Amino acid sequence: MTRVLFMSLVSFLIAINQASLINRCDLARVLRKEDLDGFEGYSLNDWLCLAFVESRFNISKVNENADGSFDYGIFQINSHYWCNDYRSHSENICHEDCQDILSPNLLSAISCAKKIVSGAGGMKNWVAWRLHCAGRPLSYWMTGCFLG
């Protein structure tokens, strides 16, 4: 009986963990629907590369930084500048609650990412994008994705 209960609990926890991940092609569809393809000169390939290098497509990822700020969601949006997490000082430039950035519908994360990319530096605001995506061939990110 305890073995069955344990296995059920493990299965449940795995399901919860997987629920926070989004499939690469599903993400491409959402980003396209929200008009990110070509937004400020960045392709869907750039956005997919960004989401992968920042969060491995994990919508609910939260990371604490050395300065006491936190990065939230699929694009790892920082609480010091962009969203308010009520834990650390925030300029809250996006006028978003950081918890909303973690929403599975991605609308708050996308809205804030658009604001970040529209400002000085564009995607260069993300160090991981600069290091792993900028100036590299990225067409493989859309391989096998049929957006129809």
C-alpha atoms as a PDB file:
ATOM      1  CA  MET A   1       0.000   0.000   0.000  1.00  0.00           C
ATOM      2  CA  THR A   2       2.762   2.466   0.888  1.00  0.00           C
ATOM      3  CA  ARG A   3       4.593   1.560  -2.325  1.00  0.00           C
ATOM      4  CA  VAL A   4       1.505   2.435  -4.397  1.00  0.00           C
ATOM      5  CA  LEU A   5       1.104   5.704  -2.491  1.00  0.00           C
ATOM      6  CA  PHE A   6       4.785   6.528  -2.995  1.00  0.00           C
ATOM      7  CA  MET A   7       4.600   5.788  -6.750  1.00  0.00           C
ATOM      8  CA  SER A   8       1.488   7.945  -7.048  1.00  0.00           C
ATOM      9  CA  LEU A   9       3.241  10.799  -5.288  1.00  0.00           C
ATOM     10  CA  VAL A  10       6.317  10.487  -7.529  1.00  0.00           C
ATOM     11  CA  SER A  11       4.124  10.441 -10.653  1.00  0.00           C
ATOM     12  CA  PHE A  12       2.252  13.502  -9.417  1.00  0.00           C
ATOM     13  CA  LEU A  13       5.473  15.420  -8.741  1.00  0.00           C
ATOM     14  CA  ILE A  14       6.853  14.542 -12.167  1.00  0.00           C
ATOM     15  CA  ALA A  15       3.620  15.755 -13.773  1.00  0.00           C
ATOM     16  CA  ILE A  16       3.806  19.045 -11.863  1.00  0.00           C
ATOM     17  CA  ASN A  17       7.438  19.556 -12.886  1.00  0.00           C
ATOM     18  CA  GLN A  18       6.710  18.811 -16.542  1.00  0.00           C
ATOM     19  CA  ALA A  19       3.684  21.116 -16.526  1.00  0.00           C
ATOM     20  CA  SER A  20       6.019  24.106 -16.193  1.00  0.00           C
ATOM     21  CA  LEU A  21       7.911  23.208 -19.371  1.00  0.00           C
ATOM     22  CA  ILE A  22       6.680  24.282 -22.784  1.00  0.00           C
ATOM     23  CA  ASN A  23       7.499  22.475 -25.995  1.00  0.00           C
ATOM     24  CA  ARG A  24       9.759  24.479 -28.342  1.00  0.00           C
ATOM     25  CA  CYS A  25       7.277  24.447 -31.236  1.00  0.00           C
ATOM     26  CA  ASP A  26       4.338  25.289 -28.954  1.00  0.00           C
ATOM     27  CA  LEU A  27       6.329  28.252 -27.679  1.00  0.00           C
ATOM     28  CA  ALA A  28       7.049  29.314 -31.262  1.00  0.00           C
ATOM     29  CA  ARG A  29       3.292  29.274 -31.963  1.00  0.00           C
ATOM     30  CA  VAL A  30       2.547  31.445 -28.924  1.00  0.00           C
ATOM     31  CA  LEU A  31       5.334  33.892 -29.762  1.00  0.00           C
ATOM     32  CA  ARG A  32       4.147  34.157 -33.362  1.00  0.00           C
ATOM     33  CA  LYS A  33       0.551  34.713 -32.245  1.00  0.00           C
ATOM     34  CA  GLU A  34       1.770  37.525 -29.965  1.00  0.00           C
ATOM     35  CA  ASP A  35       3.603  39.179 -32.895  1.00  0.00           C
ATOM     36  CA  LEU A  36       7.167  38.533 -31.761  1.00  0.00           C
ATOM     37  CA  ASP A  37       8.402  37.282 -35.143  1.00  0.00           C
ATOM     38  CA  GLY A  38      10.311  40.309 -36.421  1.00  0.00           C
ATOM     39  CA  PHE A  39       9.553  42.411 -33.334  1.00  0.00           C
ATOM     40  CA  GLU A  40      12.325  45.030 -33.062  1.00  0.00           C
ATOM     41  CA  GLY A  41      14.232  43.043 -35.702  1.00  0.00           C
ATOM     42  CA  TYR A  42      14.357  39.749 -33.770  1.00  0.00           C
ATOM     43  CA  SER A  43      13.140  36.488 -35.302  1.00  0.00           C
ATOM     44  CA  LEU A  44      11.307  33.624 -33.621  1.00  0.00           C
ATOM     45  CA  ASN A  45      14.683  31.854 -33.690  1.00  0.00           C
ATOM     46  CA  ASP A  46      16.135  34.600 -31.469  1.00  0.00           C
ATOM     47  CA  TRP A  47      13.225  34.322 -29.029  1.00  0.00           C
ATOM     48  CA  LEU A  48      13.453  30.525 -28.890  1.00  0.00           C
ATOM     49  CA  CYS A  49      17.199  30.654 -28.336  1.00  0.00           C
ATOM     50  CA  LEU A  50      16.672  33.241 -25.569  1.00  0.00           C
ATOM     51  CA  ALA A  51      14.022  31.117 -23.836  1.00  0.00           C
ATOM     52  CA  PHE A  52      16.224  28.047 -24.030  1.00  0.00           C
ATOM     53  CA  VAL A  53      19.455  29.615 -22.758  1.00  0.00           C
ATOM     54  CA  GLU A  54      17.659  31.470 -19.967  1.00  0.00           C
ATOM     55  CA  SER A  55      15.225  28.836 -18.676  1.00  0.00           C
ATOM     56  CA  ARG A  56      15.403  25.673 -20.821  1.00  0.00           C
ATOM     57  CA  PHE A  57      11.757  26.495 -21.742  1.00  0.00           C
ATOM     58  CA  ASN A  58      10.718  26.426 -18.071  1.00  0.00           C
ATOM     59  CA  ILE A  59       7.812  28.840 -17.603  1.00  0.00           C
ATOM     60  CA  SER A  60       7.970  28.694 -13.796  1.00  0.00           C
ATOM     61  CA  LYS A  61      11.734  29.022 -13.298  1.00  0.00           C
ATOM     62  CA  VAL A  62      12.823  31.418 -10.531  1.00  0.00           C
ATOM     63  CA  ASN A  63      16.496  32.111  -9.897  1.00  0.00           C
ATOM     64  CA  GLU A  64      18.036  34.137  -7.064  1.00  0.00           C
ATOM     65  CA  ASN A  65      20.920  36.433  -8.018  1.00  0.00           C
ATOM     66  CA  ALA A  66      23.918  37.461  -5.912  1.00  0.00           C
ATOM     67  CA  ASP A  67      22.516  41.009  -5.535  1.00  0.00           C
ATOM     68  CA  GLY A  68      19.331  39.722  -3.874  1.00  0.00           C
ATOM     69  CA  SER A  69      17.150  40.195  -6.953  1.00  0.00           C
ATOM     70  CA  PHE A  70      15.347  37.316  -8.671  1.00  0.00           C
ATOM     71  CA  ASP A  71      14.873  36.292 -12.301  1.00  0.00           C
ATOM     72  CA  TYR A  72      11.426  35.031 -13.285  1.00  0.00           C
ATOM     73  CA  GLY A  73       9.910  32.846 -15.947  1.00  0.00           C
ATOM     74  CA  ILE A  74      10.790  31.622 -19.382  1.00  0.00           C
ATOM     75  CA  PHE A  75      12.828  34.757 -20.199  1.00  0.00           C
ATOM     76  CA  GLN A  76      14.265  35.133 -16.663  1.00  0.00           C
ATOM     77  CA  ILE A  77      12.990  38.687 -16.196  1.00  0.00           C
ATOM     78  CA  ASN A  78      14.789  40.453 -13.360  1.00  0.00           C
ATOM     79  CA  SER A  79      12.917  41.796 -10.334  1.00  0.00           C
ATOM     80  CA  HIS A  80      15.329  44.675  -9.720  1.00  0.00           C
ATOM     81  CA  TYR A  81      14.401  46.415 -12.968  1.00  0.00           C
ATOM     82  CA  TRP A  82      11.417  44.903 -14.675  1.00  0.00           C
ATOM     83  CA  CYS A  83       8.837  43.366 -12.317  1.00  0.00           C
ATOM     84  CA  ASN A  84       7.839  43.674  -8.667  1.00  0.00           C
ATOM     85  CA  ASP A  85       8.292  40.614  -6.481  1.00  0.00           C
ATOM     86  CA  TYR A  86       7.724  42.458  -3.178  1.00  0.00           C
ATOM     87  CA  ARG A  87      10.951  40.877  -1.844  1.00  0.00           C
ATOM     88  CA  SER A  88      13.604  43.176  -3.255  1.00  0.00           C
ATOM     89  CA  HIS A  89      13.733  46.794  -4.415  1.00  0.00           C
ATOM     90  CA  SER A  90      12.222  47.092  -7.880  1.00  0.00           C
ATOM     91  CA  GLU A  91      11.980  49.823 -10.482  1.00  0.00           C
ATOM     92  CA  ASN A  92       9.114  47.731 -11.969  1.00  0.00           C
ATOM     93  CA  ILE A  93       9.581  49.205 -15.434  1.00  0.00           C
ATOM     94  CA  CYS A  94       7.151  46.667 -16.931  1.00  0.00           C
ATOM     95  CA  HIS A  95       4.491  47.432 -14.298  1.00  0.00           C
ATOM     96  CA  GLU A  96       4.073  43.697 -13.740  1.00  0.00           C
ATOM     97  CA  ASP A  97       3.867  41.515 -10.665  1.00  0.00           C
ATOM     98  CA  CYS A  98       6.719  38.992 -10.989  1.00  0.00           C
ATOM     99  CA  GLN A  99       4.327  36.154 -10.123  1.00  0.00           C
ATOM    100  CA  ASP A 100       2.311  37.059 -13.241  1.00  0.00           C
ATOM    101  CA  ILE A 101       5.477  36.536 -15.323  1.00  0.00           C
ATOM    102  CA  LEU A 102       5.232  32.863 -14.276  1.00  0.00           C
ATOM    103  CA  SER A 103       1.727  32.436 -15.738  1.00  0.00           C
ATOM    104  CA  PRO A 104       1.376  29.514 -18.178  1.00  0.00           C
ATOM    105  CA  ASN A 105      -0.379  31.779 -20.705  1.00  0.00           C
ATOM    106  CA  LEU A 106       2.913  33.732 -21.043  1.00  0.00           C
ATOM    107  CA  LEU A 107       1.153  37.051 -21.737  1.00  0.00           C
ATOM    108  CA  SER A 108       2.812  38.985 -18.887  1.00  0.00           C
ATOM    109  CA  ALA A 109       6.229  37.522 -19.707  1.00  0.00           C
ATOM    110  CA  ILE A 110       5.824  38.413 -23.385  1.00  0.00           C
ATOM    111  CA  SER A 111       4.546  41.910 -22.633  1.00  0.00           C
ATOM    112  CA  CYS A 112       7.523  42.612 -20.379  1.00  0.00           C
ATOM    113  CA  ALA A 113      10.017  41.030 -22.800  1.00  0.00           C
ATOM    114  CA  LYS A 114       8.679  43.315 -25.549  1.00  0.00           C
ATOM    115  CA  LYS A 115       9.284  46.305 -23.295  1.00  0.00           C
ATOM    116  CA  ILE A 116      12.837  45.135 -22.535  1.00  0.00           C
ATOM    117  CA  VAL A 117      13.661  44.532 -26.210  1.00  0.00           C
ATOM    118  CA  SER A 118      12.165  47.884 -27.229  1.00  0.00           C
ATOM    119  CA  GLY A 119      14.618  49.734 -25.005  1.00  0.00           C
ATOM    120  CA  ALA A 120      18.317  50.393 -25.328  1.00  0.00           C
ATOM    121  CA  GLY A 121      20.289  47.237 -26.001  1.00  0.00           C
ATOM    122  CA  GLY A 122      17.423  45.093 -27.288  1.00  0.00           C
ATOM    123  CA  MET A 123      18.096  41.428 -26.614  1.00  0.00           C
ATOM    124  CA  LYS A 124      21.617  42.321 -25.521  1.00  0.00           C
ATOM    125  CA  ASN A 125      19.980  43.083 -22.155  1.00  0.00           C
ATOM    126  CA  TRP A 126      20.158  39.308 -21.625  1.00  0.00           C
ATOM    127  CA  VAL A 127      23.769  38.221 -21.063  1.00  0.00           C
ATOM    128  CA  ALA A 128      22.955  34.616 -21.991  1.00  0.00           C
ATOM    129  CA  TRP A 129      21.518  35.746 -25.363  1.00  0.00           C
ATOM    130  CA  ARG A 130      24.670  37.790 -26.060  1.00  0.00           C
ATOM    131  CA  LEU A 131      26.894  34.824 -25.200  1.00  0.00           C
ATOM    132  CA  HIS A 132      24.956  31.984 -26.836  1.00  0.00           C
ATOM    133  CA  CYS A 133      22.641  33.404 -29.514  1.00  0.00           C
ATOM    134  CA  ALA A 134      23.870  36.751 -30.899  1.00  0.00           C
ATOM    135  CA  GLY A 135      25.600  36.515 -34.248  1.00  0.00           C
ATOM    136  CA  ARG A 136      25.131  32.760 -34.522  1.00  0.00           C
ATOM    137  CA  PRO A 137      23.092  30.780 -37.034  1.00  0.00           C
ATOM    138  CA  LEU A 138      19.799  30.071 -35.281  1.00  0.00           C
ATOM    139  CA  SER A 139      17.539  28.618 -37.982  1.00  0.00           C
ATOM    140  CA  TYR A 140      17.635  25.157 -36.373  1.00  0.00           C
ATOM    141  CA  TRP A 141      15.426  26.436 -33.527  1.00  0.00           C
ATOM    142  CA  MET A 142      12.399  26.259 -35.848  1.00  0.00           C
ATOM    143  CA  THR A 143      13.270  22.841 -37.307  1.00  0.00           C
ATOM    144  CA  GLY A 144      10.187  20.617 -37.351  1.00  0.00           C
ATOM    145  CA  CYS A 145       7.843  23.382 -36.203  1.00  0.00           C
ATOM    146  CA  PHE A 146       4.874  23.763 -38.488  1.00  0.00           C
ATOM    147  CA  LEU A 147       3.148  26.967 -37.459  1.00  0.00           C
ATOM    148  CA  GLY A 148       0.446  26.860 -40.143  1.00  0.00           C
END
